[in-house]
N, C-alpha and C. Protein backbone atom coordinates (compact mmCIF):
# COMPACT_ATOMS: atom_id res chain seq x y z
N MET A 1 160.03 98.76 115.92
CA MET A 1 160.39 98.09 114.69
C MET A 1 161.65 97.27 114.95
N LEU A 2 161.52 95.99 114.67
CA LEU A 2 162.64 95.07 114.86
C LEU A 2 163.27 94.76 113.52
N ILE A 3 164.57 95.00 113.43
CA ILE A 3 165.30 94.71 112.20
C ILE A 3 166.33 93.64 112.51
N ARG A 4 166.30 92.60 111.69
CA ARG A 4 167.28 91.52 111.83
C ARG A 4 167.90 91.26 110.47
N VAL A 5 169.16 90.81 110.50
CA VAL A 5 169.83 90.41 109.28
C VAL A 5 170.38 89.01 109.47
N ASP A 6 170.52 88.30 108.36
CA ASP A 6 171.06 86.95 108.36
C ASP A 6 172.33 86.94 107.52
N PRO A 7 173.50 86.93 108.16
CA PRO A 7 174.75 86.94 107.40
C PRO A 7 174.90 85.74 106.46
N ALA A 8 174.18 84.66 106.71
CA ALA A 8 174.27 83.46 105.87
C ALA A 8 173.37 83.56 104.63
N SER A 9 172.50 84.56 104.59
CA SER A 9 171.58 84.71 103.47
C SER A 9 172.33 85.17 102.22
N PRO A 10 171.89 84.71 101.05
CA PRO A 10 172.51 85.20 99.81
C PRO A 10 172.12 86.66 99.50
N LEU A 11 171.07 87.15 100.16
CA LEU A 11 170.63 88.53 99.97
C LEU A 11 171.61 89.46 100.70
N PRO A 12 172.14 90.48 100.01
CA PRO A 12 173.07 91.40 100.67
C PRO A 12 172.45 92.02 101.92
N LEU A 13 173.29 92.32 102.90
CA LEU A 13 172.81 92.86 104.18
C LEU A 13 172.03 94.16 104.01
N GLY A 14 172.50 95.04 103.13
CA GLY A 14 171.78 96.30 102.89
C GLY A 14 170.39 96.05 102.36
N ASP A 15 170.26 95.05 101.47
CA ASP A 15 168.93 94.70 100.94
C ASP A 15 168.06 94.09 102.03
N GLN A 16 168.66 93.35 102.95
CA GLN A 16 167.89 92.78 104.06
C GLN A 16 167.36 93.89 104.96
N ILE A 17 168.19 94.88 105.20
CA ILE A 17 167.76 96.01 106.03
C ILE A 17 166.62 96.75 105.34
N ALA A 18 166.77 97.01 104.03
CA ALA A 18 165.71 97.70 103.28
C ALA A 18 164.43 96.89 103.32
N ALA A 19 164.53 95.57 103.16
CA ALA A 19 163.33 94.71 103.17
C ALA A 19 162.64 94.75 104.53
N ALA A 20 163.43 94.76 105.60
CA ALA A 20 162.85 94.80 106.95
C ALA A 20 162.10 96.10 107.18
N VAL A 21 162.70 97.22 106.78
CA VAL A 21 162.06 98.51 106.96
C VAL A 21 160.83 98.61 106.05
N ARG A 22 160.96 98.15 104.80
CA ARG A 22 159.84 98.15 103.86
C ARG A 22 158.67 97.37 104.44
N GLY A 23 158.96 96.22 105.03
CA GLY A 23 157.92 95.40 105.65
C GLY A 23 157.25 96.12 106.81
N ALA A 24 158.05 96.80 107.62
CA ALA A 24 157.49 97.55 108.76
C ALA A 24 156.58 98.68 108.27
N ILE A 25 156.97 99.32 107.17
CA ILE A 25 156.14 100.38 106.60
C ILE A 25 154.85 99.77 106.05
N ALA A 26 154.99 98.67 105.31
CA ALA A 26 153.82 98.01 104.70
C ALA A 26 152.82 97.55 105.75
N GLU A 27 153.31 97.10 106.90
CA GLU A 27 152.44 96.61 107.96
C GLU A 27 151.89 97.74 108.84
N GLY A 28 152.33 98.96 108.58
CA GLY A 28 151.85 100.10 109.37
C GLY A 28 152.55 100.26 110.71
N GLU A 29 153.63 99.52 110.92
CA GLU A 29 154.39 99.65 112.16
C GLU A 29 155.13 100.99 112.21
N VAL A 30 155.45 101.50 111.02
CA VAL A 30 156.12 102.79 110.89
C VAL A 30 155.29 103.60 109.91
N ARG A 31 154.98 104.83 110.27
CA ARG A 31 154.08 105.65 109.45
C ARG A 31 154.80 106.88 108.88
N ALA A 32 154.13 107.53 107.96
CA ALA A 32 154.67 108.75 107.35
C ALA A 32 155.05 109.75 108.44
N GLY A 33 156.21 110.34 108.28
CA GLY A 33 156.70 111.34 109.22
C GLY A 33 157.54 110.76 110.35
N GLU A 34 157.50 109.44 110.53
CA GLU A 34 158.30 108.83 111.60
C GLU A 34 159.75 108.71 111.18
N ARG A 35 160.61 108.87 112.15
CA ARG A 35 162.05 108.79 111.93
C ARG A 35 162.52 107.35 112.11
N LEU A 36 163.39 106.91 111.23
CA LEU A 36 164.01 105.59 111.36
C LEU A 36 165.22 105.70 112.28
N PRO A 37 165.69 104.57 112.79
CA PRO A 37 166.89 104.63 113.63
C PRO A 37 168.06 105.25 112.87
N ALA A 38 168.88 105.99 113.58
CA ALA A 38 170.08 106.57 112.96
C ALA A 38 170.94 105.45 112.40
N ALA A 39 171.53 105.69 111.25
CA ALA A 39 172.33 104.65 110.58
C ALA A 39 173.43 104.12 111.49
N ARG A 40 174.09 104.99 112.20
CA ARG A 40 175.19 104.57 113.08
C ARG A 40 174.68 103.68 114.21
N GLU A 41 173.56 104.06 114.81
CA GLU A 41 172.97 103.26 115.90
C GLU A 41 172.51 101.90 115.39
N LEU A 42 171.84 101.88 114.24
CA LEU A 42 171.34 100.63 113.68
C LEU A 42 172.50 99.72 113.31
N ALA A 43 173.54 100.29 112.71
CA ALA A 43 174.71 99.50 112.34
C ALA A 43 175.33 98.85 113.57
N GLU A 44 175.44 99.62 114.62
CA GLU A 44 176.02 99.10 115.86
C GLU A 44 175.17 97.97 116.45
N SER A 45 173.84 98.15 116.44
CA SER A 45 172.97 97.13 117.03
C SER A 45 172.94 95.85 116.20
N LEU A 46 173.15 95.98 114.87
CA LEU A 46 173.14 94.81 113.99
C LEU A 46 174.52 94.19 113.81
N GLY A 47 175.55 94.93 114.23
CA GLY A 47 176.91 94.43 114.05
C GLY A 47 177.38 94.50 112.61
N VAL A 48 176.93 95.56 111.90
CA VAL A 48 177.32 95.73 110.50
C VAL A 48 177.95 97.11 110.34
N ASN A 49 178.54 97.34 109.18
CA ASN A 49 179.15 98.62 108.86
C ASN A 49 178.06 99.66 108.62
N VAL A 50 178.31 100.89 109.01
CA VAL A 50 177.33 101.96 108.83
C VAL A 50 176.99 102.15 107.35
N HIS A 51 177.95 101.90 106.46
CA HIS A 51 177.69 102.04 105.02
C HIS A 51 176.69 100.99 104.53
N THR A 52 176.64 99.84 105.19
CA THR A 52 175.67 98.80 104.85
C THR A 52 174.26 99.31 105.14
N VAL A 53 174.09 99.93 106.29
CA VAL A 53 172.78 100.51 106.64
C VAL A 53 172.44 101.63 105.67
N LEU A 54 173.40 102.46 105.35
CA LEU A 54 173.15 103.57 104.43
C LEU A 54 172.77 103.06 103.04
N ARG A 55 173.34 101.93 102.60
CA ARG A 55 172.95 101.34 101.32
C ARG A 55 171.47 100.92 101.36
N GLY A 56 171.07 100.31 102.46
CA GLY A 56 169.67 99.92 102.62
C GLY A 56 168.76 101.13 102.63
N TYR A 57 169.15 102.17 103.35
CA TYR A 57 168.36 103.39 103.41
C TYR A 57 168.31 104.06 102.03
N GLN A 58 169.41 104.03 101.30
CA GLN A 58 169.44 104.63 99.96
C GLN A 58 168.46 103.92 99.03
N ARG A 59 168.39 102.60 99.13
CA ARG A 59 167.45 101.83 98.30
C ARG A 59 166.01 102.28 98.61
N LEU A 60 165.70 102.44 99.89
CA LEU A 60 164.36 102.89 100.29
C LEU A 60 164.09 104.31 99.78
N ARG A 61 165.11 105.11 99.77
CA ARG A 61 164.97 106.48 99.23
C ARG A 61 164.66 106.42 97.74
N GLU A 62 165.38 105.56 97.01
CA GLU A 62 165.15 105.42 95.57
C GLU A 62 163.72 104.92 95.29
N GLU A 63 163.18 104.15 96.20
CA GLU A 63 161.82 103.63 96.06
C GLU A 63 160.77 104.65 96.47
N GLY A 64 161.21 105.78 97.00
CA GLY A 64 160.29 106.83 97.40
C GLY A 64 159.64 106.60 98.75
N LEU A 65 160.24 105.71 99.55
CA LEU A 65 159.64 105.38 100.85
C LEU A 65 160.19 106.22 101.99
N ILE A 66 161.42 106.70 101.86
CA ILE A 66 161.99 107.54 102.91
C ILE A 66 162.69 108.74 102.29
N ASP A 67 162.90 109.72 103.14
CA ASP A 67 163.66 110.91 102.77
C ASP A 67 164.90 110.91 103.64
N LEU A 68 166.05 111.13 103.04
CA LEU A 68 167.31 111.19 103.78
C LEU A 68 167.83 112.62 103.76
N ARG A 69 168.03 113.17 104.94
CA ARG A 69 168.57 114.52 105.03
C ARG A 69 169.66 114.55 106.09
N ARG A 70 170.76 115.17 105.73
CA ARG A 70 171.88 115.29 106.66
C ARG A 70 171.41 116.05 107.90
N GLY A 71 171.69 115.49 109.05
CA GLY A 71 171.31 116.12 110.31
C GLY A 71 169.88 115.83 110.73
N ARG A 72 169.06 115.36 109.79
CA ARG A 72 167.66 115.07 110.11
C ARG A 72 167.42 113.57 110.15
N GLY A 73 168.27 112.83 109.45
CA GLY A 73 168.14 111.38 109.44
C GLY A 73 167.19 110.89 108.37
N ALA A 74 166.74 109.66 108.55
CA ALA A 74 165.83 109.01 107.60
C ALA A 74 164.41 109.10 108.13
N VAL A 75 163.52 109.64 107.30
CA VAL A 75 162.14 109.85 107.69
C VAL A 75 161.23 109.22 106.64
N VAL A 76 160.21 108.50 107.09
CA VAL A 76 159.25 107.89 106.18
C VAL A 76 158.45 109.00 105.51
N THR A 77 158.31 108.88 104.19
CA THR A 77 157.66 109.94 103.42
C THR A 77 156.33 109.48 102.84
N GLY A 78 155.65 110.41 102.20
CA GLY A 78 154.45 110.09 101.44
C GLY A 78 153.19 110.07 102.26
N GLU A 79 152.08 110.17 101.54
CA GLU A 79 150.77 110.14 102.17
C GLU A 79 150.36 108.70 102.46
N ARG A 80 150.79 107.77 101.60
CA ARG A 80 150.42 106.37 101.76
C ARG A 80 151.64 105.47 101.67
N PRO A 81 152.57 105.60 102.60
CA PRO A 81 153.79 104.80 102.49
C PRO A 81 153.54 103.30 102.61
N ALA A 82 152.53 102.89 103.36
CA ALA A 82 152.26 101.45 103.53
C ALA A 82 151.86 100.82 102.20
N GLY A 83 150.98 101.48 101.47
CA GLY A 83 150.56 100.96 100.17
C GLY A 83 151.71 100.93 99.18
N ARG A 84 152.52 101.96 99.19
CA ARG A 84 153.68 102.01 98.29
C ARG A 84 154.67 100.90 98.65
N ALA A 85 154.90 100.68 99.94
CA ALA A 85 155.82 99.62 100.37
C ALA A 85 155.32 98.25 99.92
N ARG A 86 154.02 98.01 100.05
CA ARG A 86 153.45 96.73 99.59
C ARG A 86 153.62 96.57 98.09
N LEU A 87 153.40 97.65 97.36
CA LEU A 87 153.54 97.61 95.91
C LEU A 87 154.99 97.33 95.50
N VAL A 88 155.94 97.95 96.16
CA VAL A 88 157.35 97.70 95.87
C VAL A 88 157.69 96.23 96.14
N THR A 89 157.19 95.70 97.24
CA THR A 89 157.44 94.29 97.58
C THR A 89 156.85 93.37 96.52
N GLN A 90 155.63 93.64 96.10
CA GLN A 90 154.99 92.81 95.07
C GLN A 90 155.73 92.92 93.75
N THR A 91 156.19 94.11 93.42
CA THR A 91 156.94 94.31 92.18
C THR A 91 158.23 93.51 92.20
N ARG A 92 158.93 93.54 93.32
CA ARG A 92 160.17 92.76 93.44
C ARG A 92 159.89 91.27 93.28
N ARG A 93 158.79 90.80 93.85
CA ARG A 93 158.43 89.38 93.70
C ARG A 93 158.13 89.05 92.24
N LEU A 94 157.42 89.94 91.55
CA LEU A 94 157.10 89.73 90.14
C LEU A 94 158.38 89.66 89.31
N ILE A 95 159.31 90.55 89.55
CA ILE A 95 160.58 90.55 88.82
C ILE A 95 161.35 89.27 89.10
N THR A 96 161.41 88.86 90.36
CA THR A 96 162.12 87.64 90.72
C THR A 96 161.52 86.42 90.03
N GLU A 97 160.20 86.32 90.05
CA GLU A 97 159.51 85.19 89.41
C GLU A 97 159.73 85.21 87.90
N SER A 98 159.65 86.38 87.31
CA SER A 98 159.85 86.51 85.87
C SER A 98 161.24 86.04 85.46
N ARG A 99 162.24 86.46 86.22
CA ARG A 99 163.61 86.05 85.93
C ARG A 99 163.81 84.57 86.17
N ARG A 100 163.16 84.04 87.20
CA ARG A 100 163.25 82.60 87.49
C ARG A 100 162.71 81.79 86.32
N LEU A 101 161.69 82.33 85.66
CA LEU A 101 161.10 81.65 84.50
C LEU A 101 161.87 81.91 83.21
N GLY A 102 162.90 82.76 83.30
CA GLY A 102 163.72 83.05 82.13
C GLY A 102 163.14 84.09 81.20
N LEU A 103 162.16 84.85 81.67
CA LEU A 103 161.52 85.89 80.86
C LEU A 103 162.42 87.12 80.83
N PRO A 104 162.78 87.59 79.64
CA PRO A 104 163.59 88.81 79.56
C PRO A 104 162.84 90.00 80.17
N ASP A 105 163.58 90.94 80.76
CA ASP A 105 162.97 92.10 81.39
C ASP A 105 162.07 92.88 80.42
N GLU A 106 162.51 93.01 79.18
CA GLU A 106 161.71 93.75 78.19
C GLU A 106 160.37 93.07 77.94
N GLU A 107 160.36 91.75 77.98
CA GLU A 107 159.10 91.03 77.78
C GLU A 107 158.16 91.26 78.96
N LEU A 108 158.72 91.27 80.16
CA LEU A 108 157.91 91.57 81.34
C LEU A 108 157.32 92.97 81.23
N LEU A 109 158.13 93.92 80.83
CA LEU A 109 157.64 95.29 80.66
C LEU A 109 156.54 95.35 79.60
N SER A 110 156.68 94.59 78.53
CA SER A 110 155.64 94.54 77.49
C SER A 110 154.34 93.98 78.05
N LEU A 111 154.44 92.94 78.88
CA LEU A 111 153.25 92.37 79.50
C LEU A 111 152.55 93.39 80.40
N ILE A 112 153.34 94.14 81.14
CA ILE A 112 152.78 95.15 82.03
C ILE A 112 152.11 96.25 81.22
N ARG A 113 152.79 96.71 80.17
CA ARG A 113 152.20 97.76 79.32
C ARG A 113 150.88 97.29 78.70
N ALA A 114 150.88 96.05 78.22
CA ALA A 114 149.65 95.50 77.61
C ALA A 114 148.53 95.42 78.65
N SER A 115 148.87 95.04 79.87
CA SER A 115 147.86 94.98 80.94
C SER A 115 147.33 96.36 81.28
N LEU A 116 148.20 97.35 81.28
CA LEU A 116 147.76 98.73 81.56
C LEU A 116 146.84 99.24 80.46
N THR A 117 147.15 98.89 79.23
CA THR A 117 146.32 99.32 78.09
C THR A 117 144.93 98.72 78.19
N ARG A 118 144.87 97.45 78.58
CA ARG A 118 143.56 96.78 78.70
C ARG A 118 142.74 97.36 79.85
N GLU A 119 143.42 97.83 80.89
CA GLU A 119 142.73 98.36 82.07
C GLU A 119 142.21 99.77 81.82
N ALA A 120 142.82 100.48 80.90
CA ALA A 120 142.46 101.90 80.68
C ALA A 120 141.12 102.07 80.02
């Protein structure tokens, strides 16, 4: 798994790291049960602060894609992490597009709820 960051990007470095790992999971390059690089090692290889890597890993944890345990490191979780990673990526794109169009978050949520009701 190759992780790169672009210091010139407006996207925070931690978010770039999370996106790179999310992409690797979505593409099946990293599977459930596999260990991610140690935060300290990854930070050193990218030339960033270890807390930057930990912020990226924390975001992935919040998304349910990895488990973080002291002494055990970051491990990809779930039975279908690739599908979940793709869904998180698509959701982020939907939110970005909605905000670009000036749609309030509550209106987006209403659209989603209405779509779920129609599908049920």
